[in-house]
Amino acid sequence: MGSRHQVGPHRATTLQGVGLLLHEPIDEMAASDPRRPALYFLGGTVTFGELSARTKRVAAALRHRTGPGDRVAIIGENHPSWVEAYYGVPRAGRILVFLNHRLAAAELAAIVDRSGATMVVGPRAELDRIQPSPTTAHDSIPTYIDLDEWERMGDGGAGKEREPERGPDREQDPDGGPSFPDEPIWLIYTSGTTGSPKGATLTHRNVAASLVASAHGRPIGPDDVFLHPFPLCHVAGYNVVRNLAAGRPVVLMDRFAPGEFISLTSRYQVTKTTMAATMLSSLLDHLEAHAEGRPALASLEGIAYGAAPMPPTLLRRAFAELGIDFSQGYGMTELAGNAVFLGIEEHRHALAGAEHLLTAAGRPAPNVEVRVLDEDGHDVATGRPGEIVIRGDQVMAGYWGDAETTKAAFTQGWFHTGDIGVFDADGVLSVVDRKKDVIVTGAENVSSREVEEEILRSCPEVREVAVVAVPDPHWGENVCAVIVLRAGATLPPDVLVGRVRERLAGFKAPRHVVEVDELARNSLGKLLKQDLRRWLADRPSVIGPRL
């Protein structure tokens, strides 16, 4: 029997408990219980009534200041303005572009340029970093809105620069917003093997289907309080949306810090959270050094993970020291979140002796189809590896402005994840390798080819380079550059890293540099990165200290 797993219909006929339009659940909560807390941030509280009202006013202001389908970008650390933008921008019939503030200025400018954003929102310091590309036409330079002006927009004090659109073919809600479930709402750029960011285009329906999948894989209880430690510029922000859709409050951290995490958990009696391996490791190390913080976590019942591989040793340590439940989800930006889940019971079995489950991804959600295919596109036998392909309503609409890459990513409606997986006889999926050479370090995705190209551009001493992942107990993976220098050239590792940091975000810069005489290639000249990874794994001493 082949490895094709359909646990539910391809097209969900209903999305029970979740509105097809992103803003519908918060509007319903605002109508029924407007004083219920929706967000806690830096000691302040935003109620559902306030959140709904502000998103309506933001949408009204955007309809006057931008055109239908315009892209509105947002940048900065976590802040309620992000959540208002999650809802308010799509409510206006515009598309929200997520900007990662950790990217270098040139990278940010390129994404703004590529997305065609007509407005950029964020703290003034971040806006000042984003400069138009030299190739950008003058009339396409976006309007920059700082947080003070955004706050006035949410308060209803925005200036009016154009009349709101109307049309007989455009169905409107009472405040003029769109009501098309398949209309794009979010544009999130993700790194891939091509080296240039690709804009995953997500619709109302995509996100709604993702919430339905998560409701199955990570149920939300009637008394849950969720703490969100991830940057809201990642697709992980869908966890905020899914908890708000369930009427449960969300505690936002501006940035993760273990001491602050403990303090907020105690203050708001947090019951659930989600973490990357690096966050969990930091939390456990903090508790080891500050044992008095343990009682403050008494309300915490469960931790979900999935942004990066979770080392089994770390998972065992966390279970032993925290005594709470764990779950995980497998997904990606193109899936609007997670589509495959390993639940609490499977984790309990794994930690009780079913070792193979410690590295499993889990089972597909009921509204998701998953297959594992060979290179010819045929289902492989159970227990055999192949590429993971997924079909369902939560799969993105495509890559923004890139029809060729979109076409290559789909085959008859099936999205090719680029990951290599195996289904066991019980229908549990394990991800065994990445077909795409993407390095996941501290929950950030790094394109190996992008780093390779920047090293070659900025380091004339380098003749060849291969960038691969090496394991790290804290960050999950580190970026390692294996270089071949030109004859007679010398290049200290710290100089190489410094040059890359000038051109790319800090997390993309190599943490290890290894010099070799040649790189292994096959008869066609293709670089054998898998062999290189094995070679490094067998010789940990050559990797050297972390830079």
Protein backbone atom coordinates (compact mmCIF):
# COMPACT_ATOMS: atom_id res chain seq x y z
CA MET A 1 0.00 0.00 0.00
CA GLY A 2 1.36 3.44 -0.91
CA SER A 3 2.01 6.30 1.47
CA ARG A 4 -1.08 8.36 0.72
CA HIS A 5 -2.93 9.60 3.77
CA GLN A 6 -6.28 11.35 3.42
CA VAL A 7 -7.90 11.75 6.81
CA GLY A 8 -10.58 14.11 5.56
CA PRO A 9 -11.97 15.73 2.40
CA HIS A 10 -9.74 17.82 0.17
CA ARG A 11 -12.19 20.73 0.24
CA ALA A 12 -13.67 21.38 3.65
CA THR A 13 -17.42 21.89 3.18
CA THR A 14 -17.63 23.90 6.38
CA LEU A 15 -15.20 25.53 8.75
CA GLN A 16 -17.17 25.07 11.93
CA GLY A 17 -16.37 27.48 14.72
CA VAL A 18 -14.17 29.64 12.50
CA GLY A 19 -15.35 32.48 10.27
CA LEU A 20 -14.12 32.32 6.70
CA LEU A 21 -13.23 36.00 6.94
CA LEU A 22 -10.39 36.69 9.31
CA HIS A 23 -12.11 39.40 11.32
CA GLU A 24 -15.46 37.65 11.86
CA PRO A 25 -14.57 35.85 15.14
CA ILE A 26 -13.30 39.00 16.87
CA ASP A 27 -16.37 40.91 15.75
CA GLU A 28 -18.58 38.18 17.19
CA MET A 29 -16.68 38.30 20.49
CA ALA A 30 -16.91 42.10 20.51
CA ALA A 31 -20.66 41.86 20.08
CA SER A 32 -21.21 39.22 22.77
CA ASP A 33 -18.57 40.13 25.36
CA PRO A 34 -16.81 43.39 24.43
CA ARG A 35 -14.97 43.73 27.75
CA ARG A 36 -13.33 40.32 27.55
CA PRO A 37 -9.51 40.67 27.38
CA ALA A 38 -8.06 39.89 23.97
CA LEU A 39 -4.42 41.01 24.33
CA TYR A 40 -2.08 41.63 27.23
CA PHE A 41 1.05 43.61 26.37
CA LEU A 42 3.57 45.40 28.58
CA GLY A 43 1.10 45.65 31.43
CA GLY A 44 -1.76 46.93 29.27
CA THR A 45 -4.96 45.20 28.14
CA VAL A 46 -6.82 45.37 24.84
CA THR A 47 -10.38 44.03 24.97
CA PHE A 48 -12.20 42.32 22.12
CA GLY A 49 -14.44 45.36 21.83
CA GLU A 50 -11.43 47.65 21.47
CA LEU A 51 -9.62 45.34 19.05
CA SER A 52 -12.65 45.03 16.78
CA ALA A 53 -13.31 48.77 16.82
CA ARG A 54 -9.69 49.66 16.10
CA THR A 55 -9.43 47.24 13.18
CA LYS A 56 -12.58 48.80 11.69
CA ARG A 57 -11.12 52.29 12.00
CA VAL A 58 -7.76 51.17 10.60
CA ALA A 59 -9.59 49.58 7.65
CA ALA A 60 -11.57 52.77 7.06
CA ALA A 61 -8.40 54.87 7.06
CA LEU A 62 -6.62 52.47 4.69
CA ARG A 63 -9.52 52.55 2.23
CA HIS A 64 -9.08 56.32 2.03
CA ARG A 65 -5.28 56.24 1.76
CA THR A 66 -4.65 53.21 -0.45
CA GLY A 67 -6.26 51.45 -3.38
CA PRO A 68 -8.01 48.05 -3.65
CA GLY A 69 -5.51 45.19 -3.44
CA ASP A 70 -2.64 47.45 -2.39
CA ARG A 71 0.08 45.92 -0.27
CA VAL A 72 0.66 47.42 3.18
CA ALA A 73 3.90 46.32 4.87
CA ILE A 74 4.58 46.30 8.60
CA ILE A 75 7.85 46.01 10.49
CA GLY A 76 9.03 46.02 14.10
CA GLU A 77 9.13 43.92 17.23
CA ASN A 78 5.94 42.47 18.67
CA HIS A 79 3.32 45.10 19.45
CA PRO A 80 -0.52 45.29 19.35
CA SER A 81 -0.20 47.25 16.10
CA TRP A 82 0.79 43.97 14.43
CA VAL A 83 -2.43 42.29 15.55
CA GLU A 84 -4.48 45.29 14.43
CA ALA A 85 -2.75 45.03 11.05
CA TYR A 86 -3.40 41.27 10.86
CA TYR A 87 -7.12 42.07 10.81
CA GLY A 88 -7.41 45.70 9.72
CA VAL A 89 -5.42 45.50 6.48
CA PRO A 90 -7.39 42.53 5.03
CA ARG A 91 -10.61 44.11 6.29
CA ALA A 92 -9.90 47.04 3.99
CA GLY A 93 -9.34 44.73 1.01
CA ARG A 94 -5.57 45.27 1.15
CA ILE A 95 -2.77 42.73 1.61
CA LEU A 96 -0.51 42.78 4.66
CA VAL A 97 3.20 42.22 3.94
CA PHE A 98 5.12 40.84 6.93
CA LEU A 99 8.62 42.35 7.27
CA ASN A 100 11.17 40.65 9.50
CA HIS A 101 12.99 43.39 11.44
CA ARG A 102 16.01 41.12 11.78
CA LEU A 103 16.76 41.37 8.07
CA ALA A 104 19.41 43.72 6.73
CA ALA A 105 18.29 47.06 5.29
CA ALA A 106 18.99 45.98 1.70
CA GLU A 107 16.93 42.81 2.16
CA LEU A 108 14.00 44.78 3.55
CA ALA A 109 14.11 47.31 0.73
CA ALA A 110 14.15 44.47 -1.81
CA ILE A 111 11.04 42.86 -0.29
CA VAL A 112 9.18 46.17 -0.17
CA ASP A 113 10.16 46.67 -3.81
CA ARG A 114 9.23 43.12 -4.87
CA SER A 115 5.87 43.18 -3.11
CA GLY A 116 5.00 46.58 -4.55
CA ALA A 117 3.99 47.85 -1.10
CA THR A 118 2.42 51.30 -1.23
CA MET A 119 2.64 51.83 2.54
CA VAL A 120 5.10 50.72 5.24
CA VAL A 121 4.15 50.84 8.93
CA GLY A 122 6.51 50.59 11.88
CA PRO A 123 8.65 52.34 14.48
CA ARG A 124 10.48 55.36 13.07
CA ALA A 125 13.89 53.75 13.64
CA GLU A 126 12.90 50.77 11.51
CA LEU A 127 11.35 52.92 8.79
CA ASP A 128 14.57 54.92 8.55
CA ARG A 129 16.45 51.69 7.76
CA ILE A 130 14.34 50.91 4.69
CA GLN A 131 15.50 52.85 1.68
CA PRO A 132 14.01 52.49 -1.80
CA SER A 133 16.02 50.38 -4.21
CA PRO A 134 18.00 52.38 -6.81
CA THR A 135 15.85 50.70 -9.48
CA THR A 136 12.57 51.69 -7.84
CA ALA A 137 10.48 54.13 -9.85
CA HIS A 138 9.91 57.39 -7.99
CA ASP A 139 6.13 57.13 -8.11
CA SER A 140 6.22 53.66 -6.53
CA ILE A 141 8.03 54.72 -3.36
CA PRO A 142 5.69 53.83 -0.50
CA THR A 143 4.23 56.08 2.16
CA TYR A 144 5.88 55.55 5.55
CA ILE A 145 3.59 55.48 8.61
CA ASP A 146 5.16 55.50 12.08
CA LEU A 147 3.43 53.96 15.09
CA ASP A 148 2.14 57.31 16.34
CA GLU A 149 0.28 57.87 13.08
CA TRP A 150 -0.91 54.25 13.07
CA GLU A 151 -2.26 54.81 16.58
CA ARG A 152 -4.23 57.83 15.32
CA MET A 153 -5.59 55.71 12.47
CA GLY A 154 -6.86 53.19 15.02
CA ASP A 155 -8.37 56.04 17.03
CA GLY A 156 -10.21 57.30 13.97
CA GLY A 157 -8.03 60.36 13.42
CA ALA A 158 -6.50 59.46 10.06
CA GLY A 159 -6.46 61.87 7.16
CA LYS A 160 -8.53 61.06 4.09
CA GLU A 161 -6.63 61.02 0.84
CA ARG A 162 -8.99 59.16 -1.48
CA GLU A 163 -12.61 58.11 -1.61
CA PRO A 164 -13.44 54.52 -0.63
CA GLU A 165 -14.03 52.21 -3.54
CA ARG A 166 -17.46 50.94 -4.42
CA GLY A 167 -18.69 48.56 -7.07
CA PRO A 168 -21.68 46.35 -7.86
CA ASP A 169 -19.45 43.26 -8.05
CA ARG A 170 -17.82 43.89 -4.69
CA GLU A 171 -19.85 42.61 -1.75
CA GLN A 172 -19.39 44.81 1.33
CA ASP A 173 -19.77 44.33 5.06
CA PRO A 174 -21.39 47.18 7.09
CA ASP A 175 -18.14 49.14 7.28
CA GLY A 176 -17.16 48.60 3.69
CA GLY A 177 -14.77 45.65 3.96
CA PRO A 178 -14.43 42.79 1.47
CA SER A 179 -16.19 39.47 1.86
CA PHE A 180 -14.26 37.25 -0.51
CA PRO A 181 -12.86 34.15 1.25
CA ASP A 182 -10.35 33.55 -1.55
CA GLU A 183 -9.02 37.10 -1.54
CA PRO A 184 -5.32 37.41 -0.57
CA ILE A 185 -4.80 38.85 2.90
CA TRP A 186 -1.22 38.10 4.00
CA LEU A 187 2.04 38.10 2.09
CA ILE A 188 4.91 36.43 3.99
CA TYR A 189 8.33 36.15 2.40
CA THR A 190 10.21 32.94 3.00
CA SER A 191 13.72 31.86 2.01
CA GLY A 192 14.20 28.90 -0.27
CA THR A 193 16.90 27.18 -2.25
CA THR A 194 16.86 29.84 -4.94
CA GLY A 195 18.42 32.31 -2.52
CA SER A 196 15.86 35.04 -3.17
CA PRO A 197 12.83 35.44 -0.86
CA LYS A 198 9.50 34.16 -2.16
CA GLY A 199 6.24 35.75 -1.11
CA ALA A 200 3.77 33.12 0.06
CA THR A 201 0.31 34.52 -0.65
CA LEU A 202 -2.30 33.52 1.93
CA THR A 203 -6.05 34.03 1.66
CA HIS A 204 -8.87 34.24 4.20
CA ARG A 205 -9.69 30.61 3.35
CA ASN A 206 -6.07 29.47 3.81
CA VAL A 207 -5.85 30.90 7.31
CA ALA A 208 -9.33 29.69 8.29
CA ALA A 209 -8.46 26.14 7.18
CA SER A 210 -5.22 26.34 9.15
CA LEU A 211 -7.20 27.27 12.26
CA VAL A 212 -9.46 24.27 11.73
CA ALA A 213 -6.45 21.96 11.38
CA SER A 214 -4.91 23.37 14.57
CA ALA A 215 -8.17 23.02 16.47
CA HIS A 216 -7.83 19.29 15.85
CA GLY A 217 -4.10 19.05 16.53
CA ARG A 218 -3.88 21.56 19.39
CA PRO A 219 -7.29 21.99 21.01
CA ILE A 220 -7.92 25.22 22.91
CA GLY A 221 -9.65 24.87 26.28
CA PRO A 222 -12.35 27.24 27.59
CA ASP A 223 -10.01 28.60 30.27
CA ASP A 224 -6.76 28.72 28.32
CA VAL A 225 -4.49 31.75 28.35
CA PHE A 226 -1.91 31.67 25.55
CA LEU A 227 1.53 33.30 25.69
CA HIS A 228 3.05 34.12 22.29
CA PRO A 229 6.86 34.44 22.36
CA PHE A 230 7.58 34.24 18.62
CA PRO A 231 8.04 37.30 16.38
CA LEU A 232 4.72 38.31 14.85
CA CYS A 233 6.52 38.74 11.50
CA HIS A 234 6.55 34.93 11.18
CA VAL A 235 3.69 32.67 10.14
CA ALA A 236 3.78 31.50 13.79
CA GLY A 237 1.60 34.56 14.41
CA TYR A 238 -1.34 32.44 13.28
CA ASN A 239 -1.30 31.10 16.86
CA VAL A 240 -2.45 34.54 18.01
CA VAL A 241 -5.29 34.47 15.51
CA ARG A 242 -6.41 30.96 16.44
CA ASN A 243 -6.58 31.76 20.15
CA LEU A 244 -8.47 35.00 19.54
CA ALA A 245 -10.84 33.11 17.23
CA ALA A 246 -11.58 30.82 20.19
CA GLY A 247 -12.25 33.84 22.41
CA ARG A 248 -9.18 33.28 24.54
CA PRO A 249 -6.71 36.00 25.60
CA VAL A 250 -3.18 36.21 24.25
CA VAL A 251 -0.16 37.49 26.16
CA LEU A 252 2.32 39.13 23.77
CA MET A 253 6.05 39.33 24.46
CA ASP A 254 7.89 42.08 22.62
CA ARG A 255 10.81 39.63 22.41
CA PHE A 256 11.55 36.34 24.13
CA ALA A 257 13.53 36.34 27.38
CA PRO A 258 13.24 33.42 29.85
CA GLY A 259 12.93 35.61 32.95
CA GLU A 260 10.17 37.70 31.37
CA PHE A 261 8.45 34.53 30.15
CA ILE A 262 8.30 33.22 33.73
CA SER A 263 7.05 36.56 35.07
CA LEU A 264 4.28 36.84 32.47
CA THR A 265 3.21 33.23 32.97
CA SER A 266 2.74 33.91 36.67
CA ARG A 267 1.04 37.28 36.23
CA TYR A 268 -1.55 36.14 33.68
CA GLN A 269 -1.79 32.47 34.72
CA VAL A 270 -0.71 31.29 31.30
CA THR A 271 -1.75 27.74 30.47
CA LYS A 272 -0.38 27.21 26.94
CA THR A 273 2.51 28.47 24.85
CA THR A 274 4.59 27.54 21.84
CA MET A 275 8.37 27.49 21.66
CA ALA A 276 11.34 26.79 19.43
CA ALA A 277 14.09 24.53 20.71
CA THR A 278 16.33 27.49 21.50
CA MET A 279 13.62 29.11 23.65
CA LEU A 280 12.95 25.94 25.60
CA SER A 281 16.66 25.38 26.16
CA SER A 282 17.06 28.96 27.43
CA LEU A 283 14.10 28.55 29.77
CA LEU A 284 15.47 25.34 31.27
CA ASP A 285 18.93 26.86 31.69
CA HIS A 286 17.39 29.89 33.42
CA LEU A 287 15.43 27.67 35.79
CA GLU A 288 18.58 25.71 36.56
CA ALA A 289 20.30 28.92 37.60
CA HIS A 290 17.23 30.45 39.26
CA ALA A 291 15.31 27.59 40.84
CA GLU A 292 13.07 30.05 42.68
CA GLY A 293 11.30 30.71 39.36
CA ARG A 294 9.79 27.23 39.12
CA PRO A 295 6.67 27.92 41.24
CA ALA A 296 5.82 30.81 38.93
CA LEU A 297 5.19 28.28 36.13
CA ALA A 298 2.57 26.36 38.11
CA SER A 299 -0.26 27.37 35.75
CA LEU A 300 1.56 26.19 32.62
CA GLU A 301 -0.04 23.02 31.26
CA GLY A 302 1.45 22.54 27.82
CA ILE A 303 4.08 23.62 25.31
CA ALA A 304 3.76 23.19 21.56
CA TYR A 305 6.75 23.31 19.25
CA GLY A 306 7.52 22.98 15.59
CA ALA A 307 9.47 26.02 14.32
CA ALA A 308 12.71 24.01 14.39
CA PRO A 309 13.81 20.43 15.11
CA MET A 310 13.50 19.55 18.79
CA PRO A 311 16.46 17.43 19.95
CA PRO A 312 15.13 14.33 21.77
CA THR A 313 17.53 14.95 24.66
CA LEU A 314 16.07 18.42 25.16
CA LEU A 315 12.52 17.07 24.99
CA ARG A 316 13.28 14.44 27.65
CA ARG A 317 14.92 17.05 29.86
CA ALA A 318 11.97 19.45 29.53
CA PHE A 319 9.43 16.74 30.30
CA ALA A 320 11.39 15.65 33.38
CA GLU A 321 11.98 19.16 34.70
CA LEU A 322 8.66 20.82 33.88
CA GLY A 323 6.29 17.86 34.17
CA ILE A 324 3.89 19.26 31.57
CA ASP A 325 2.50 18.04 28.25
CA PHE A 326 4.05 18.60 24.84
CA SER A 327 2.70 18.62 21.30
CA GLN A 328 4.15 19.57 17.97
CA GLY A 329 3.08 20.63 14.54
CA TYR A 330 4.71 20.26 11.14
CA GLY A 331 4.03 23.02 8.68
CA MET A 332 5.48 26.03 6.94
CA THR A 333 4.61 29.50 5.73
CA GLU A 334 3.11 28.11 2.51
CA LEU A 335 0.64 26.10 4.63
CA ALA A 336 -0.48 29.11 6.71
CA GLY A 337 0.73 27.24 9.78
CA ASN A 338 0.75 23.56 10.71
CA ALA A 339 -0.93 20.69 8.90
CA VAL A 340 0.49 17.59 10.64
CA PHE A 341 0.41 17.13 14.42
CA LEU A 342 1.94 14.90 17.06
CA GLY A 343 -0.36 15.22 20.04
CA ILE A 344 -0.09 14.96 23.79
CA GLU A 345 -0.78 11.22 23.97
CA GLU A 346 1.88 10.39 21.36
CA HIS A 347 4.39 12.46 23.32
CA ARG A 348 3.52 10.61 26.51
CA HIS A 349 4.05 7.29 24.72
CA ALA A 350 7.32 8.56 23.24
CA LEU A 351 8.68 9.68 26.58
CA ALA A 352 7.55 6.41 28.15
CA GLY A 353 9.61 4.35 25.75
CA ALA A 354 8.25 4.62 22.18
CA GLU A 355 11.50 6.23 21.07
CA HIS A 356 10.65 6.45 17.36
CA LEU A 357 7.93 8.99 18.12
CA LEU A 358 10.43 11.46 19.59
CA THR A 359 11.47 12.45 16.07
CA ALA A 360 8.08 12.02 14.36
CA ALA A 361 6.05 14.88 12.85
CA GLY A 362 2.67 13.29 13.54
CA ARG A 363 -0.58 12.66 11.67
CA PRO A 364 -2.31 14.89 9.11
CA ALA A 365 -5.20 17.01 10.35
CA PRO A 366 -8.68 15.92 9.19
CA ASN A 367 -8.95 18.61 6.51
CA VAL A 368 -5.52 17.86 5.01
CA GLU A 369 -4.22 15.29 2.52
CA VAL A 370 -0.58 14.21 2.65
CA ARG A 371 1.34 11.94 0.27
CA VAL A 372 4.97 10.80 0.05
CA LEU A 373 6.22 10.53 -3.54
CA ASP A 374 9.26 9.22 -5.38
CA GLU A 375 11.11 11.27 -8.02
CA ASP A 376 8.64 10.11 -10.68
CA GLY A 377 5.66 11.36 -8.71
CA HIS A 378 4.43 7.93 -7.57
CA ASP A 379 3.40 7.06 -4.01
CA VAL A 380 6.17 5.21 -2.23
CA ALA A 381 5.58 2.16 -0.06
CA THR A 382 4.99 2.59 3.64
CA GLY A 383 8.33 2.89 5.39
CA ARG A 384 10.10 4.23 2.30
CA PRO A 385 11.28 7.87 2.02
CA GLY A 386 10.00 10.34 -0.51
CA GLU A 387 9.02 13.96 -0.96
CA ILE A 388 6.13 15.19 1.17
CA VAL A 389 3.32 16.77 -0.86
CA ILE A 390 0.20 18.31 0.66
CA ARG A 391 -3.24 19.31 -0.58
CA GLY A 392 -5.96 21.20 1.24
CA ASP A 393 -7.61 24.55 1.75
CA GLN A 394 -4.74 25.84 3.86
CA VAL A 395 -2.19 25.56 1.05
CA MET A 396 -1.20 29.03 -0.17
CA ALA A 397 -2.61 30.59 -3.32
CA GLY A 398 0.91 30.85 -4.79
CA TYR A 399 4.09 32.91 -4.72
CA TRP A 400 3.48 36.61 -5.23
CA GLY A 401 4.45 37.82 -8.69
CA ASP A 402 6.24 34.56 -9.52
CA ALA A 403 4.13 32.36 -11.76
CA GLU A 404 7.08 30.18 -12.75
CA THR A 405 8.04 29.27 -9.18
CA THR A 406 4.38 28.76 -8.28
CA LYS A 407 3.91 26.37 -11.20
CA ALA A 408 7.01 24.42 -10.17
CA ALA A 409 5.72 24.09 -6.59
CA PHE A 410 2.43 22.40 -7.56
CA THR A 411 1.50 19.22 -9.41
CA GLN A 412 -2.22 18.75 -10.04
CA GLY A 413 -3.09 20.72 -6.93
CA TRP A 414 -0.49 19.05 -4.69
CA PHE A 415 2.04 21.37 -3.06
CA HIS A 416 5.63 20.10 -3.01
CA THR A 417 7.12 20.88 0.40
CA GLY A 418 10.70 20.02 -0.53
CA ASP A 419 10.93 17.88 2.61
CA ILE A 420 11.70 14.16 2.61
CA GLY A 421 9.40 12.08 4.81
CA VAL A 422 8.35 8.55 5.72
CA PHE A 423 4.95 7.20 6.80
CA ASP A 424 5.01 4.25 9.19
CA ALA A 425 2.39 1.50 9.32
CA ASP A 426 0.36 3.50 11.87
CA GLY A 427 0.09 6.52 9.59
CA VAL A 428 2.62 8.61 11.52
CA LEU A 429 4.77 10.87 9.36
CA SER A 430 8.44 11.52 10.10
CA VAL A 431 10.51 14.18 8.33
CA VAL A 432 13.90 12.65 7.67
CA ASP A 433 15.64 15.29 5.58
CA ARG A 434 15.16 18.53 3.69
CA LYS A 435 15.23 18.39 -0.04
CA LYS A 436 15.65 22.13 0.00
CA ASP A 437 18.88 23.28 1.56
CA VAL A 438 17.29 25.53 4.14
CA ILE A 439 18.98 25.86 7.53
CA VAL A 440 16.72 26.41 10.56
CA THR A 441 18.58 28.26 13.30
CA GLY A 442 16.72 29.56 16.33
CA ALA A 443 13.41 29.30 14.40
CA GLU A 444 14.79 31.45 11.54
CA ASN A 445 15.06 30.02 8.03
CA VAL A 446 18.34 30.61 6.21
CA SER A 447 18.82 29.89 2.51
CA SER A 448 22.21 28.23 2.10
CA ARG A 449 22.48 29.42 -1.49
CA GLU A 450 21.85 33.02 -0.49
CA VAL A 451 24.74 32.88 2.02
CA GLU A 452 26.96 31.14 -0.53
CA GLU A 453 26.32 33.86 -3.08
CA GLU A 454 27.02 36.63 -0.60
CA ILE A 455 30.32 35.02 0.46
CA LEU A 456 31.42 34.80 -3.18
CA ARG A 457 30.37 38.41 -3.79
CA SER A 458 32.06 39.84 -0.72
CA CYS A 459 35.13 37.59 -0.43
CA PRO A 460 37.29 37.52 -3.57
CA GLU A 461 39.70 35.20 -1.75
CA VAL A 462 37.06 32.42 -1.85
CA ARG A 463 37.05 30.16 -4.92
CA GLU A 464 34.27 27.80 -3.83
CA VAL A 465 31.89 27.61 -0.90
CA ALA A 466 29.23 25.26 0.41
CA VAL A 467 26.96 26.34 3.24
CA VAL A 468 25.34 23.59 5.29
CA ALA A 469 23.71 23.09 8.67
CA VAL A 470 25.58 21.65 11.62
CA PRO A 471 23.74 20.60 14.80
CA ASP A 472 23.72 22.93 17.79
CA PRO A 473 22.24 21.96 21.19
CA HIS A 474 20.90 25.48 21.77
CA TRP A 475 19.97 26.89 18.35
CA GLY A 476 18.94 23.58 16.76
CA GLU A 477 21.22 24.21 13.80
CA ASN A 478 24.07 26.58 12.98
CA VAL A 479 25.20 27.95 9.62
CA CYS A 480 28.53 26.43 8.60
CA ALA A 481 30.53 27.66 5.58
CA VAL A 482 32.97 25.20 4.04
CA ILE A 483 35.33 27.16 1.80
CA VAL A 484 38.05 26.56 -0.78
CA LEU A 485 40.41 29.54 -1.04
CA ARG A 486 42.08 30.75 -4.19
CA ALA A 487 45.74 29.84 -4.58
CA GLY A 488 47.94 31.87 -2.25
CA ALA A 489 44.99 33.60 -0.55
CA THR A 490 44.36 33.81 3.17
CA LEU A 491 41.12 34.78 4.88
CA PRO A 492 40.61 34.71 8.66
CA PRO A 493 37.17 33.29 9.54
CA ASP A 494 36.15 36.38 11.54
CA VAL A 495 36.88 38.61 8.52
CA LEU A 496 34.68 36.44 6.29
CA VAL A 497 31.84 36.49 8.84
CA GLY A 498 32.16 40.26 9.25
CA ARG A 499 31.77 40.81 5.52
CA VAL A 500 28.67 38.63 5.34
CA ARG A 501 27.14 40.45 8.32
CA GLU A 502 27.46 43.72 6.40
CA ARG A 503 25.24 42.33 3.64
CA LEU A 504 22.86 39.93 5.40
CA ALA A 505 21.00 39.61 8.69
CA GLY A 506 23.18 38.49 11.59
CA PHE A 507 21.41 35.14 11.98
CA LYS A 508 22.32 34.26 8.38
CA ALA A 509 26.06 34.76 8.88
CA PRO A 510 28.13 31.57 9.33
CA ARG A 511 28.82 30.54 12.90
CA HIS A 512 31.52 28.12 11.75
CA VAL A 513 34.01 28.37 8.88
CA VAL A 514 35.90 25.29 7.68
CA GLU A 515 38.66 25.51 5.08
CA VAL A 516 39.19 22.52 2.77
CA ASP A 517 41.24 21.81 -0.36
CA GLU A 518 38.25 20.80 -2.50
CA LEU A 519 34.51 20.17 -2.31
CA ALA A 520 33.05 16.79 -3.19
CA ARG A 521 31.02 16.74 -6.42
CA ASN A 522 29.42 14.04 -8.55
CA SER A 523 30.20 13.26 -12.18
CA LEU A 524 27.88 16.04 -13.33
CA GLY A 525 29.64 18.58 -11.14
CA LYS A 526 26.81 18.78 -8.62
CA LEU A 527 27.88 19.57 -5.07
CA LEU A 528 27.28 16.63 -2.74
CA LYS A 529 26.05 18.46 0.34
CA GLN A 530 24.73 15.31 1.98
CA ASP A 531 28.22 13.82 1.81
CA LEU A 532 29.64 17.06 3.19
CA ARG A 533 27.23 17.00 6.13
CA ARG A 534 28.21 13.41 6.89
CA TRP A 535 31.91 14.32 6.64
CA LEU A 536 31.45 17.16 9.13
CA ALA A 537 29.42 14.94 11.47
CA ASP A 538 32.26 12.40 11.54
CA ARG A 539 34.83 15.14 12.26
CA PRO A 540 33.37 17.51 14.86
CA SER A 541 36.84 18.80 15.69
CA VAL A 542 37.23 20.45 12.27
CA ILE A 543 34.15 22.59 12.84
CA GLY A 544 35.88 24.56 15.57
CA PRO A 545 34.42 27.06 18.04
CA ARG A 546 31.30 29.06 17.27
CA LEU A 547 32.12 32.50 15.86
